[in-house]
Amino acid sequence: MRSSVVRIRDVGSYRLEVVYADALTAVLDFAIFLAEHAGPVVEPLRDGATFSAVRLEDGVVTWPNGFDICPDVLRFWSEQGRVCSDRETDAHFEAQRPLSAS
């Protein structure tokens, strides 16, 4: 699976180094993501210590409070070299959906 994450590492300042099975490596800055999103699952990640507690659980980037990131979304962001906006991410995946037969 091309989206398979094999290693995740907090590199400080809300940035994660993500390494994939195919050797793609990306450093993604989550600062803007955290500033633009709210809610009981995202808000605790604004604390640096909580954000740093990131782990890889069955190939999924996960935090102890249960927040996780879809591996396909993370791969898309990694290929772009940045955490993309919700609009850009949604547009990418909408374009990937097969057209339904009428």
Protein backbone atom coordinates (compact mmCIF):
# COMPACT_ATOMS: atom_id res chain seq x y z
CA MET A 1 0.00 0.00 0.00
CA ARG A 2 1.58 3.28 -1.06
CA SER A 3 0.14 5.17 1.91
CA SER A 4 1.79 2.90 4.47
CA VAL A 5 3.49 4.97 7.18
CA VAL A 6 6.38 3.12 8.81
CA ARG A 7 7.71 5.83 11.12
CA ILE A 8 6.46 9.05 12.68
CA ARG A 9 8.59 11.47 14.67
CA ASP A 10 7.84 14.77 16.35
CA VAL A 11 10.52 17.25 15.25
CA GLY A 12 9.29 20.19 17.33
CA SER A 13 7.13 23.26 16.77
CA TYR A 14 4.10 21.14 15.79
CA ARG A 15 5.99 19.47 12.95
CA LEU A 16 6.03 15.74 12.23
CA GLU A 17 8.46 13.75 10.14
CA VAL A 18 6.53 11.05 8.30
CA VAL A 19 8.34 8.12 6.65
CA TYR A 20 6.56 5.76 4.26
CA ALA A 21 7.27 2.18 3.22
CA ASP A 22 8.31 3.39 -0.24
CA ALA A 23 10.92 5.70 1.41
CA LEU A 24 9.02 8.96 0.84
CA THR A 25 9.83 11.22 3.79
CA ALA A 26 8.04 14.47 4.57
CA VAL A 27 8.10 17.00 7.38
CA LEU A 28 4.62 18.44 7.86
CA ASP A 29 3.85 21.57 9.88
CA PHE A 30 0.56 21.22 11.76
CA ALA A 31 0.58 24.70 13.36
CA ILE A 32 -1.92 26.21 10.91
CA PHE A 33 -4.09 23.08 10.99
CA LEU A 34 -4.32 23.35 14.78
CA ALA A 35 -5.07 27.07 14.61
CA GLU A 36 -7.85 26.60 12.05
CA HIS A 37 -9.59 23.59 13.60
CA ALA A 38 -11.49 23.40 16.85
CA GLY A 39 -13.29 20.80 18.85
CA PRO A 40 -12.73 18.58 21.84
CA VAL A 41 -10.40 16.21 20.01
CA VAL A 42 -8.21 18.80 18.24
CA GLU A 43 -7.91 21.40 21.00
CA PRO A 44 -5.77 19.24 23.35
CA LEU A 45 -3.18 18.90 20.56
CA ARG A 46 -2.42 22.61 20.87
CA ASP A 47 -0.50 21.70 24.00
CA GLY A 48 3.03 20.89 22.82
CA ALA A 49 3.44 17.94 25.18
CA THR A 50 0.18 16.38 23.99
CA PHE A 51 1.09 16.94 20.34
CA SER A 52 4.50 15.34 20.94
CA ALA A 53 2.81 12.18 22.25
CA VAL A 54 2.01 11.19 18.65
CA ARG A 55 2.42 7.52 17.82
CA LEU A 56 1.94 5.09 14.99
CA GLU A 57 -0.88 2.63 15.67
CA ASP A 58 -1.48 -0.03 13.02
CA GLY A 59 -0.02 2.31 10.40
CA VAL A 60 -2.19 5.26 11.44
CA VAL A 61 -0.78 8.46 12.94
CA THR A 62 -2.62 8.72 16.26
CA TRP A 63 -2.55 10.73 19.49
CA PRO A 64 -3.46 9.40 22.95
CA ASN A 65 -6.75 11.34 22.97
CA GLY A 66 -7.95 9.32 19.96
CA PHE A 67 -7.36 11.90 17.22
CA ASP A 68 -5.92 10.30 14.11
CA ILE A 69 -5.23 11.20 10.50
CA CYS A 70 -6.38 9.07 7.58
CA PRO A 71 -3.25 7.54 6.00
CA ASP A 72 -4.43 8.54 2.51
CA VAL A 73 -4.88 12.16 3.59
CA LEU A 74 -1.48 12.15 5.26
CA ARG A 75 0.07 10.74 2.09
CA PHE A 76 -1.56 13.45 -0.04
CA TRP A 77 -0.26 16.14 2.30
CA SER A 78 3.19 14.54 2.27
CA GLU A 79 3.26 14.51 -1.52
CA GLN A 80 2.30 18.20 -1.51
CA GLY A 81 4.97 18.93 1.10
CA ARG A 82 2.52 20.65 3.45
CA VAL A 83 -0.67 20.23 5.40
CA CYS A 84 -3.29 21.30 2.86
CA SER A 85 -6.51 23.15 3.53
CA ASP A 86 -9.72 21.19 3.97
CA ARG A 87 -10.94 22.58 0.65
CA GLU A 88 -7.84 21.44 -1.24
CA THR A 89 -7.84 18.04 0.44
CA ASP A 90 -11.55 17.48 -0.25
CA ALA A 91 -11.14 18.55 -3.89
CA HIS A 92 -8.27 16.10 -4.37
CA PHE A 93 -10.23 13.14 -3.03
CA GLU A 94 -13.43 14.14 -4.81
CA ALA A 95 -11.49 14.07 -8.08
CA GLN A 96 -10.26 10.56 -7.23
CA ARG A 97 -13.77 9.14 -6.83
CA PRO A 98 -14.97 7.07 -9.77
CA LEU A 99 -17.94 8.44 -11.63
CA SER A 100 -21.08 6.50 -10.85
CA ALA A 101 -22.94 4.82 -13.68
CA SER A 102 -26.21 6.52 -14.54
